[in-house]
Amino acid sequence: MLRTLFLSLGLMLAALQPGWAQDDPDKLEEGRRLAAIWCNNCHLTGAGTQGRAADAAPSFRSIARMPSTTALSLHAFLQTPHNLMPDYHLSREEQDSLVAYILSLKGSQEPVRR
């Protein structure tokens, strides 16, 4: 019972950890840089964008604003192979940066550009 409690507590803390990086300007800038290099071909990755860069790829702003989007859900998505998405084999630090950047777009108030 005690072991289960500690395991649950550890998993909860691990799930929260990526959220701590959201306020780190270096993480956000690295996430923005990674998005521009790897994701911009299919996704609109900027804060002031909406819609799709490609037929099947939602904007990062749209992803950030989905009710189901959390740091944990983004990490799970980035670690799972998808048919239409290249597998970039992101390191944990790269994932943290990209997740922090995407989540930073949730409250973006910039005007929408298409």
Protein backbone atom coordinates (compact mmCIF):
# COMPACT_ATOMS: atom_id res chain seq x y z
CA MET A 1 0.00 0.00 0.00
CA LEU A 2 2.76 2.43 0.98
CA ARG A 3 4.73 1.46 -2.12
CA THR A 4 1.73 2.25 -4.31
CA LEU A 5 1.32 5.61 -2.61
CA PHE A 6 4.96 6.55 -3.23
CA LEU A 7 4.77 5.34 -6.82
CA SER A 8 1.63 7.40 -7.42
CA LEU A 9 3.22 10.47 -5.84
CA GLY A 10 6.33 10.01 -7.99
CA LEU A 11 4.26 9.74 -11.17
CA MET A 12 2.29 12.85 -10.26
CA LEU A 13 5.48 14.82 -9.65
CA ALA A 14 6.99 13.56 -12.91
CA ALA A 15 3.87 14.67 -14.77
CA LEU A 16 4.12 18.13 -13.24
CA GLN A 17 7.82 18.59 -13.96
CA PRO A 18 7.49 19.59 -17.64
CA GLY A 19 5.10 22.35 -16.58
CA TRP A 20 7.78 23.92 -14.41
CA ALA A 21 9.81 24.71 -17.53
CA GLN A 22 6.99 26.75 -19.09
CA ASP A 23 8.15 29.94 -17.39
CA ASP A 24 11.80 29.45 -18.39
CA PRO A 25 12.55 31.90 -21.25
CA ASP A 26 15.44 29.74 -22.47
CA LYS A 27 13.15 26.69 -22.75
CA LEU A 28 10.53 28.73 -24.59
CA GLU A 29 13.10 30.12 -27.03
CA GLU A 30 14.57 26.66 -27.63
CA GLY A 31 11.05 25.31 -28.22
CA ARG A 32 10.35 28.13 -30.68
CA ARG A 33 13.64 27.36 -32.47
CA LEU A 34 12.88 23.63 -32.66
CA ALA A 35 9.38 24.33 -33.97
CA ALA A 36 10.78 26.61 -36.68
CA ILE A 37 13.31 23.99 -37.77
CA TRP A 38 11.29 20.77 -37.54
CA CYS A 39 7.59 21.59 -37.41
CA ASN A 40 7.07 24.62 -39.66
CA ASN A 41 6.79 22.56 -42.85
CA CYS A 42 3.42 21.19 -41.75
CA HIS A 43 2.24 23.28 -38.78
CA LEU A 44 1.78 27.00 -38.30
CA THR A 45 3.95 27.38 -35.22
CA GLY A 46 3.76 31.09 -34.34
CA ALA A 47 1.62 32.67 -31.66
CA GLY A 48 -0.29 34.86 -34.09
CA THR A 49 -1.28 32.13 -36.52
CA GLN A 50 -4.39 30.06 -36.88
CA GLY A 51 -5.51 27.39 -39.31
CA ARG A 52 -3.32 24.80 -41.00
CA ALA A 53 -0.02 24.98 -42.85
CA ALA A 54 -0.76 21.57 -44.38
CA ASP A 55 -4.05 19.79 -44.93
CA ALA A 56 -3.86 17.57 -41.85
CA ALA A 57 -1.71 19.62 -39.46
CA PRO A 58 -3.36 21.97 -36.95
CA SER A 59 -1.57 25.12 -35.83
CA PHE A 60 0.38 24.98 -32.58
CA ARG A 61 -1.94 27.67 -31.23
CA SER A 62 -4.96 25.44 -31.98
CA ILE A 63 -3.25 22.47 -30.34
CA ALA A 64 -2.43 24.55 -27.26
CA ARG A 65 -6.05 25.66 -26.90
CA MET A 66 -7.54 22.16 -27.07
CA PRO A 67 -9.06 21.20 -23.69
CA SER A 68 -7.18 17.89 -23.75
CA THR A 69 -3.77 19.53 -24.21
CA THR A 70 -1.52 19.23 -21.17
CA ALA A 71 2.21 18.81 -20.72
CA LEU A 72 1.62 15.11 -20.12
CA SER A 73 -0.56 14.64 -23.22
CA LEU A 74 1.96 16.49 -25.42
CA HIS A 75 4.84 14.38 -24.11
CA ALA A 76 2.85 11.20 -24.74
CA PHE A 77 2.02 12.37 -28.26
CA LEU A 78 5.64 13.27 -29.06
CA GLN A 79 6.83 9.86 -27.86
CA THR A 80 4.33 7.91 -29.96
CA PRO A 81 4.99 7.23 -33.66
CA HIS A 82 2.35 8.63 -36.04
CA ASN A 83 1.81 7.77 -39.69
CA LEU A 84 1.66 11.33 -40.98
CA MET A 85 4.35 12.80 -38.75
CA PRO A 86 8.11 12.30 -39.04
CA ASP A 87 9.79 10.61 -36.08
CA TYR A 88 12.46 13.09 -35.00
CA HIS A 89 13.62 11.14 -31.91
CA LEU A 90 13.56 14.22 -29.70
CA SER A 91 15.60 14.14 -26.51
CA ARG A 92 13.77 14.68 -23.21
CA GLU A 93 15.13 18.25 -23.05
CA GLU A 94 13.98 18.97 -26.62
CA GLN A 95 10.54 17.58 -25.79
CA ASP A 96 10.37 19.73 -22.65
CA SER A 97 11.25 22.83 -24.68
CA LEU A 98 8.77 22.08 -27.46
CA VAL A 99 6.01 21.29 -24.95
CA ALA A 100 6.72 24.48 -23.00
CA TYR A 101 6.57 26.51 -26.21
CA ILE A 102 3.30 24.95 -27.37
CA LEU A 103 1.68 25.47 -23.97
CA SER A 104 2.86 29.10 -23.95
CA LEU A 105 0.62 29.68 -26.98
CA LYS A 106 -2.53 28.75 -25.05
CA GLY A 107 -3.08 32.26 -23.73
CA SER A 108 -1.58 34.12 -26.67
CA GLN A 109 -3.39 37.40 -27.29
CA GLU A 110 -1.59 38.32 -30.51
CA PRO A 111 -3.84 39.10 -33.49
CA VAL A 112 -4.58 36.12 -35.68
CA ARG A 113 -2.84 36.04 -39.06
CA ARG A 114 -3.57 33.48 -41.72
